């Protein structure tokens, strides 16, 4: 009886610890690292499998024209799954400098990342010791993330190709920039302007002659001004105001000065013109034209 009483608390503690021990963690399976030289076939170059628990024993050589390719299947526990984050992290253990390259992950956990030496930081190209290549996989939830070294990457440079220069003050003070703005558009010479004004003015007598030839009745002008003096005067004034606005735009105004003035004159011309045309229509209906 005393043995059972002593064993019962131990069994309860062990059963409570089981869910913690059985908590799932992120990892991967079917992982391979391949280095394919430029111009090599599909099966050319280096290719080796590695596991989440045992990294490769020998460094992977990575030359200047090679393409590094890492393929794996992300797993949560024992089931393939797409994580929230998965990337290959390259780190210099001496300086602590690191850079990460995200995996392209599918819904079934299939992950893939490719890179060349052009994508490496300049500081990595002159290292004597291999880089530490780590795989980092994690996501939301209670599953523990995976972060462990899987192989060493030895960056090999062509001695005949000079190293790129390192930017020493990337975010520091930069040289002053002097902007060269385009000159404002200028008006044509006054002679050309006067020539076009004369050409337009020469058409006015022709227009007046055609107007009289087609039967314009100037004798109704006093009647029109007597019936609706303000609409007719304001409408004609708005037409001259339009010409004045355009003249100011040609000589000194800019577009932002022209548009408000043209909008005001346009509203005045529309309102007064409708009243003036109403008076003309009234005389037509009365048979006076």
Protein backbone atom coordinates (compact mmCIF):
# COMPACT_ATOMS: atom_id res chain seq x y z
CA UNK A 1 0.00 0.00 0.00
CA UNK A 2 2.81 2.39 0.87
CA UNK A 3 4.60 1.45 -2.40
CA UNK A 4 1.57 2.45 -4.48
CA UNK A 5 1.26 5.75 -2.68
CA UNK A 6 4.92 6.51 -3.36
CA UNK A 7 4.70 5.48 -7.02
CA UNK A 8 1.58 7.50 -7.87
CA UNK A 9 3.17 11.00 -7.67
CA UNK A 10 6.09 9.84 -9.77
CA UNK A 11 3.72 8.54 -12.48
CA UNK A 12 1.81 11.82 -12.50
CA UNK A 13 5.00 13.85 -12.94
CA UNK A 14 6.18 11.57 -15.74
CA UNK A 15 2.84 11.85 -17.59
CA UNK A 16 2.94 15.63 -17.28
CA UNK A 17 6.42 15.75 -18.77
CA UNK A 18 5.51 13.65 -21.80
CA UNK A 19 3.92 16.50 -23.87
CA UNK A 20 7.02 18.64 -23.30
CA UNK A 21 9.32 15.85 -24.39
CA UNK A 22 7.12 15.08 -27.37
CA UNK A 23 6.97 18.73 -28.55
CA UNK A 24 7.80 18.89 -32.24
CA UNK A 25 10.74 20.77 -33.70
CA UNK A 26 11.62 22.05 -37.14
CA UNK A 27 14.17 20.26 -39.27
CA UNK A 28 14.65 19.02 -42.81
CA UNK A 29 15.20 15.89 -44.86
CA UNK A 30 16.46 14.94 -48.35
CA UNK A 31 19.04 17.73 -48.25
CA UNK A 32 21.77 18.12 -50.87
CA UNK A 33 24.38 20.73 -51.62
CA UNK A 34 25.64 21.03 -55.18
CA UNK A 35 28.27 23.20 -56.84
CA UNK A 36 27.90 23.39 -60.59
CA UNK A 37 30.69 25.01 -62.63
CA UNK A 38 29.80 27.22 -65.55
CA UNK A 39 29.21 25.18 -68.70
CA UNK A 40 28.92 21.86 -66.84
CA UNK A 41 26.06 19.51 -67.58
CA UNK A 42 23.15 18.63 -65.34
CA UNK A 43 25.14 16.05 -63.41
CA UNK A 44 28.44 17.95 -63.57
CA UNK A 45 30.23 19.37 -60.59
CA UNK A 46 30.06 18.53 -56.90
CA UNK A 47 26.98 17.11 -55.18
CA UNK A 48 26.69 15.75 -51.64
CA UNK A 49 23.88 14.85 -49.25
CA UNK A 50 23.78 16.06 -45.66
CA UNK A 51 21.42 15.64 -42.70
CA UNK A 52 20.10 17.93 -40.00
CA UNK A 53 22.07 16.11 -37.32
CA UNK A 54 25.43 15.62 -39.03
CA UNK A 55 27.15 18.33 -41.10
CA UNK A 56 29.54 17.56 -43.93
CA UNK A 57 33.05 16.76 -42.78
CA UNK A 58 34.86 18.40 -45.69
CA UNK A 59 34.49 22.03 -46.88
CA UNK A 60 32.61 22.64 -50.12
CA UNK A 61 34.76 24.42 -52.72
CA UNK A 62 33.04 27.41 -54.32
CA UNK A 63 34.90 28.94 -57.30
CA UNK A 64 34.23 32.19 -59.10
CA UNK A 65 32.14 30.80 -61.97
CA UNK A 66 30.30 28.19 -59.90
CA UNK A 67 26.68 28.13 -58.85
CA UNK A 68 25.93 26.96 -55.32
CA UNK A 69 22.61 25.16 -54.96
CA UNK A 70 21.08 23.86 -51.70
CA UNK A 71 17.91 21.75 -51.85
CA UNK A 72 15.99 20.31 -48.90
CA UNK A 73 12.52 19.48 -47.59
CA UNK A 74 11.48 21.42 -44.49
CA UNK A 75 9.76 19.34 -41.81
CA UNK A 76 7.86 20.09 -38.63
CA UNK A 77 8.39 17.01 -36.58
CA UNK A 78 8.18 14.18 -39.08
CA UNK A 79 5.80 15.81 -41.58
CA UNK A 80 6.84 18.00 -44.51
CA UNK A 81 5.49 21.51 -44.10
CA UNK A 82 6.08 25.05 -45.29
CA UNK A 83 7.73 27.19 -42.58
CA UNK A 84 7.34 30.89 -42.08
CA UNK A 85 11.07 31.48 -42.50
CA UNK A 86 13.79 29.38 -44.09
CA UNK A 87 17.16 30.67 -45.22
CA UNK A 88 20.78 29.74 -45.73
CA UNK A 89 23.08 31.80 -43.51
CA UNK A 90 26.78 32.23 -44.39
CA UNK A 91 28.94 33.48 -41.54
CA UNK A 92 32.58 34.38 -41.03
CA UNK A 93 33.35 33.02 -37.58
CA UNK A 94 36.37 35.31 -37.17
CA UNK A 95 34.69 38.67 -37.77
CA UNK A 96 31.09 37.68 -37.06
CA UNK A 97 29.94 39.04 -40.42
CA UNK A 98 27.02 37.06 -41.85
CA UNK A 99 24.53 37.22 -44.69
CA UNK A 100 21.37 35.22 -45.28
CA UNK A 101 19.76 33.97 -48.50
CA UNK A 102 16.09 32.96 -48.29
CA UNK A 103 14.93 29.61 -49.60
CA UNK A 104 12.20 29.43 -52.21
CA UNK A 105 9.74 27.21 -50.33
CA UNK A 106 6.72 25.38 -51.76
CA UNK A 107 3.62 24.30 -49.85
CA UNK A 108 4.96 20.75 -49.52
CA UNK A 109 8.15 22.01 -47.84
CA UNK A 110 10.39 21.63 -50.90
CA UNK A 111 13.00 24.37 -50.55
CA UNK A 112 15.70 25.65 -52.88
CA UNK A 113 18.30 28.41 -52.89
CA UNK A 114 20.93 29.28 -55.52
CA UNK A 115 23.71 31.85 -55.47
CA UNK A 116 26.97 32.79 -57.15
CA UNK A 117 30.04 34.62 -55.93
CA UNK A 118 28.62 37.88 -57.31
CA UNK A 119 25.97 37.73 -54.59
CA UNK A 120 28.48 37.37 -51.76
CA UNK A 121 29.69 40.40 -49.77
CA UNK A 122 33.06 41.73 -50.86
CA UNK A 123 34.51 40.89 -47.45
CA UNK A 124 33.84 37.16 -48.03
CA UNK A 125 35.95 37.01 -51.19
CA UNK A 126 39.29 37.46 -49.48
CA UNK A 127 38.88 35.12 -46.50
CA UNK A 128 41.43 32.38 -45.92
CA UNK A 129 39.17 30.28 -43.70
CA UNK A 130 35.96 28.63 -44.96
CA UNK A 131 32.59 30.18 -44.21
CA UNK A 132 30.18 28.51 -41.84
CA UNK A 133 27.00 27.57 -43.77
CA UNK A 134 23.96 27.28 -41.53
CA UNK A 135 20.34 26.39 -42.25
CA UNK A 136 17.74 28.31 -40.26
CA UNK A 137 14.11 27.15 -40.29
CA UNK A 138 11.33 28.47 -38.06
CA UNK A 139 7.68 29.38 -37.97
CA UNK A 140 4.82 30.43 -35.71
CA UNK A 141 3.69 28.07 -32.98
CA UNK A 142 5.38 26.13 -30.23
CA UNK A 143 7.71 24.08 -32.45
CA UNK A 144 11.37 24.77 -31.82
CA UNK A 145 13.25 26.44 -34.68
CA UNK A 146 16.19 24.79 -36.39
CA UNK A 147 19.49 26.66 -36.50
CA UNK A 148 22.61 24.61 -37.06
CA UNK A 149 25.74 24.42 -39.20
CA UNK A 150 25.44 21.97 -42.10
CA UNK A 151 28.70 22.44 -44.02
CA UNK A 152 31.70 24.70 -44.54
CA UNK A 153 31.98 26.79 -47.71
CA UNK A 154 35.45 27.52 -49.05
CA UNK A 155 35.38 30.56 -51.34
CA UNK A 156 38.05 30.19 -54.02
CA UNK A 157 39.09 33.21 -56.05
CA UNK A 158 40.89 33.43 -59.38
CA UNK A 159 44.27 35.09 -58.58
CA UNK A 160 44.24 36.82 -61.98
CA UNK A 161 40.97 38.63 -61.20
CA UNK A 162 41.39 41.62 -58.85
CA UNK A 163 39.19 41.83 -55.80
CA UNK A 164 36.42 44.44 -55.81
CA UNK A 165 37.07 47.44 -53.59
CA UNK A 166 35.31 47.65 -50.24
CA UNK A 167 33.13 50.66 -49.56
CA UNK A 168 34.53 52.15 -46.36
CA UNK A 169 31.87 54.83 -45.80
CA UNK A 170 28.71 53.47 -47.35
CA UNK A 171 26.43 55.49 -45.05
CA UNK A 172 28.80 58.37 -44.33
CA UNK A 173 28.98 61.86 -45.71
CA UNK A 174 28.89 61.91 -49.48
CA UNK A 175 30.26 64.54 -51.89
CA UNK A 176 28.02 67.51 -52.53
CA UNK A 177 25.82 67.17 -55.59
CA UNK A 178 25.44 70.21 -57.85
CA UNK A 179 22.28 70.01 -59.89
CA UNK A 180 22.22 71.52 -63.36
CA UNK A 181 18.66 72.49 -64.15
CA UNK A 182 17.38 72.92 -67.64
CA UNK A 183 16.94 76.52 -68.74
CA UNK A 184 13.39 77.82 -68.79
CA UNK A 185 11.84 77.91 -72.25
CA UNK A 186 12.23 81.32 -73.87
CA UNK A 187 9.97 83.11 -76.30
CA UNK A 188 10.90 83.23 -79.97
CA UNK A 189 12.48 86.40 -81.36
CA UNK A 190 10.22 89.44 -81.52
CA UNK A 191 10.42 89.49 -85.32
CA UNK A 192 8.85 86.04 -85.58
CA UNK A 193 6.17 87.02 -83.07
CA UNK A 194 5.27 90.18 -85.00
CA UNK A 195 5.15 88.20 -88.23
CA UNK A 196 2.58 85.79 -86.81
CA UNK A 197 0.57 88.68 -85.29
CA UNK A 198 0.49 90.36 -88.69
CA UNK A 199 -0.60 87.11 -90.36
CA UNK A 200 -3.46 86.71 -87.90
CA UNK A 201 -4.43 90.40 -88.13
CA UNK A 202 -4.55 90.17 -91.93
CA UNK A 203 -7.31 87.58 -91.70
CA UNK A 204 -9.59 89.88 -89.70
CA UNK A 205 -10.63 92.07 -92.71
CA UNK A 206 -11.23 88.89 -94.72
CA UNK A 207 -13.37 87.52 -91.90
CA UNK A 208 -15.35 90.80 -91.69
CA UNK A 209 -15.91 90.81 -95.44
CA UNK A 210 -17.19 87.24 -95.41
CA UNK A 211 -19.42 88.10 -92.48
CA UNK A 212 -21.05 90.96 -94.41
CA UNK A 213 -21.25 88.85 -97.57
CA UNK A 214 -23.18 86.14 -95.75
CA UNK A 215 -25.82 88.63 -94.59
CA UNK A 216 -24.78 90.00 -91.25
CA UNK A 217 -27.35 92.57 -90.13
CA UNK A 218 -25.57 95.35 -88.26
CA UNK A 219 -28.79 97.38 -87.97
CA UNK A 220 -29.95 95.03 -85.18
CA UNK A 221 -26.96 95.90 -83.00
CA UNK A 222 -28.74 98.79 -81.20
CA UNK A 223 -31.77 96.54 -80.63
CA UNK A 224 -29.62 93.77 -79.20
CA UNK A 225 -27.76 96.14 -76.89
CA UNK A 226 -31.05 97.69 -75.78
CA UNK A 227 -32.71 94.31 -75.05
CA UNK A 228 -29.79 92.69 -73.22
CA UNK A 229 -26.89 95.11 -72.88
CA UNK A 230 -24.97 93.38 -70.09
CA UNK A 231 -24.89 89.83 -71.60
CA UNK A 232 -23.68 91.11 -74.98
CA UNK A 233 -21.08 93.48 -73.54
CA UNK A 234 -19.80 90.98 -70.97
CA UNK A 235 -19.64 88.17 -73.56
CA UNK A 236 -17.62 90.30 -75.99
CA UNK A 237 -15.43 91.48 -73.10
CA UNK A 238 -14.77 87.89 -72.03
CA UNK A 239 -13.54 87.09 -75.54
CA UNK A 240 -11.05 89.96 -75.37
CA UNK A 241 -10.14 88.87 -71.82
CA UNK A 242 -9.23 85.45 -73.19
CA UNK A 243 -6.84 87.10 -75.61
CA UNK A 244 -5.34 89.13 -72.78
CA UNK A 245 -4.84 86.04 -70.61
CA UNK A 246 -3.06 84.26 -73.46
CA UNK A 247 -0.92 87.33 -74.06
CA UNK A 248 0.15 87.39 -70.41
CA UNK A 249 0.91 83.67 -70.54
CA UNK A 250 3.06 84.27 -73.60
CA UNK A 251 4.97 87.14 -72.04
CA UNK A 252 5.30 86.49 -68.29
CA UNK A 253 2.77 84.11 -66.74
CA UNK A 254 3.27 80.41 -66.10
CA UNK A 255 0.75 77.59 -66.44
CA UNK A 256 -0.37 77.79 -62.81
CA UNK A 257 -1.23 81.47 -63.27
CA UNK A 258 -2.98 80.87 -66.58
CA UNK A 259 -5.35 78.09 -65.50
CA UNK A 260 -7.23 79.94 -62.69
CA UNK A 261 -7.65 83.07 -64.81
CA UNK A 262 -8.81 81.07 -67.83
CA UNK A 263 -11.29 79.17 -65.65
CA UNK A 264 -12.84 82.42 -64.34
CA UNK A 265 -13.05 84.00 -67.79
CA UNK A 266 -14.49 80.77 -69.20
CA UNK A 267 -17.30 80.69 -66.63
CA UNK A 268 -18.13 84.35 -67.32
CA UNK A 269 -18.13 83.73 -71.09
CA UNK A 270 -20.41 80.70 -70.71
CA UNK A 271 -22.99 82.47 -68.53
CA UNK A 272 -23.04 85.74 -70.47
CA UNK A 273 -22.94 83.94 -73.83
CA UNK A 274 -25.99 81.83 -72.97
CA UNK A 275 -27.92 85.00 -72.04
CA UNK A 276 -26.81 86.77 -75.24
CA UNK A 277 -27.76 83.80 -77.41
CA UNK A 278 -31.12 83.68 -75.66
CA UNK A 279 -31.79 87.26 -76.71
CA UNK A 280 -30.75 86.47 -80.31
CA UNK A 281 -33.03 83.42 -80.37
CA UNK A 282 -35.93 85.57 -79.16
CA UNK A 283 -35.51 87.94 -82.11
CA UNK A 284 -35.28 85.01 -84.51
CA UNK A 285 -38.51 83.53 -83.20
CA UNK A 286 -40.13 86.93 -83.61
CA UNK A 287 -39.01 87.03 -87.26
CA UNK A 288 -36.81 90.09 -86.84
CA UNK A 289 -33.70 88.52 -88.37
